[in-house]
Protein backbone atom coordinates (compact mmCIF):
# COMPACT_ATOMS: atom_id res chain seq x y z
CA UNK A 1 -37.01 6.67 63.02
CA UNK A 2 -35.57 4.22 63.76
CA UNK A 3 -32.66 3.52 65.39
CA UNK A 4 -30.66 0.46 66.16
CA UNK A 5 -31.05 1.83 70.05
CA UNK A 6 -34.24 0.76 69.84
CA UNK A 7 -32.35 -2.42 68.63
CA UNK A 8 -30.74 -3.34 71.07
CA UNK A 9 -33.31 -2.94 73.50
CA UNK A 10 -35.95 -4.89 71.81
CA UNK A 11 -33.29 -7.67 71.90
CA UNK A 12 -32.49 -7.80 74.92
CA UNK A 13 -36.12 -8.07 75.99
CA UNK A 14 -36.80 -10.37 73.28
CA UNK A 15 -34.01 -11.99 75.22
CA UNK A 16 -35.00 -11.92 78.82
CA UNK A 17 -38.14 -12.91 77.74
CA UNK A 18 -37.07 -16.01 76.57
CA UNK A 19 -34.47 -17.08 79.28
CA UNK A 20 -37.67 -16.42 81.13
CA UNK A 21 -39.80 -18.76 79.57
CA UNK A 22 -36.68 -21.52 79.77
CA UNK A 23 -36.21 -20.48 83.38
CA UNK A 24 -40.65 -21.43 83.47
CA UNK A 25 -40.81 -24.50 81.63
CA UNK A 26 -37.21 -26.29 83.10
CA UNK A 27 -38.79 -26.40 86.80
CA UNK A 28 -42.33 -27.06 85.46
CA UNK A 29 -40.56 -30.12 84.18
CA UNK A 30 -38.55 -30.96 86.54
CA UNK A 31 -41.54 -30.56 88.79
CA UNK A 32 -43.31 -32.91 86.20
CA UNK A 33 -40.14 -35.88 86.11
CA UNK A 34 -38.23 -35.18 89.40
CA UNK A 35 -35.51 -37.38 87.92
CA UNK A 36 -34.44 -35.92 84.84
CA UNK A 37 -33.43 -33.40 86.21
CA UNK A 38 -30.00 -33.60 84.90
CA UNK A 39 -30.06 -33.46 81.15
CA UNK A 40 -33.90 -30.80 82.00
CA UNK A 41 -31.08 -28.34 83.65
CA UNK A 42 -27.94 -29.58 80.92
CA UNK A 43 -30.58 -28.06 78.46
CA UNK A 44 -31.18 -25.42 80.56
CA UNK A 45 -28.32 -24.08 80.67
CA UNK A 46 -27.57 -24.64 75.95
CA UNK A 47 -30.74 -22.94 75.06
CA UNK A 48 -29.87 -19.79 77.56
CA UNK A 49 -25.95 -19.96 76.28
CA UNK A 50 -27.24 -19.56 73.37
CA UNK A 51 -30.22 -17.54 73.97
CA UNK A 52 -28.21 -14.72 75.35
CA UNK A 53 -24.94 -15.36 72.35
CA UNK A 54 -28.30 -13.20 70.40
CA UNK A 55 -28.20 -10.53 72.12
CA UNK A 56 -24.55 -9.70 72.67
CA UNK A 57 -24.59 -10.75 68.91
CA UNK A 58 -27.36 -8.56 68.60
CA UNK A 59 -25.04 -5.57 70.51
CA UNK A 60 -21.70 -6.31 68.90
CA UNK A 61 -22.86 -5.25 65.89
CA UNK A 62 -25.93 -2.83 66.67
CA UNK A 63 -22.16 -0.36 67.61
């Protein structure tokens, strides 16, 4: 009895975990190499937007 609501909730949970891991690894990488903070921040923002985009796509396809 798997409904669309469970799929949307799973996508939201996956996106939240993904964004959390991206932020965690970005701060870890910046701590190891402070000189590369700019490119790391840029890549982290792009990857977080992709994770959020997957959730938004799931939300629209589920409704």
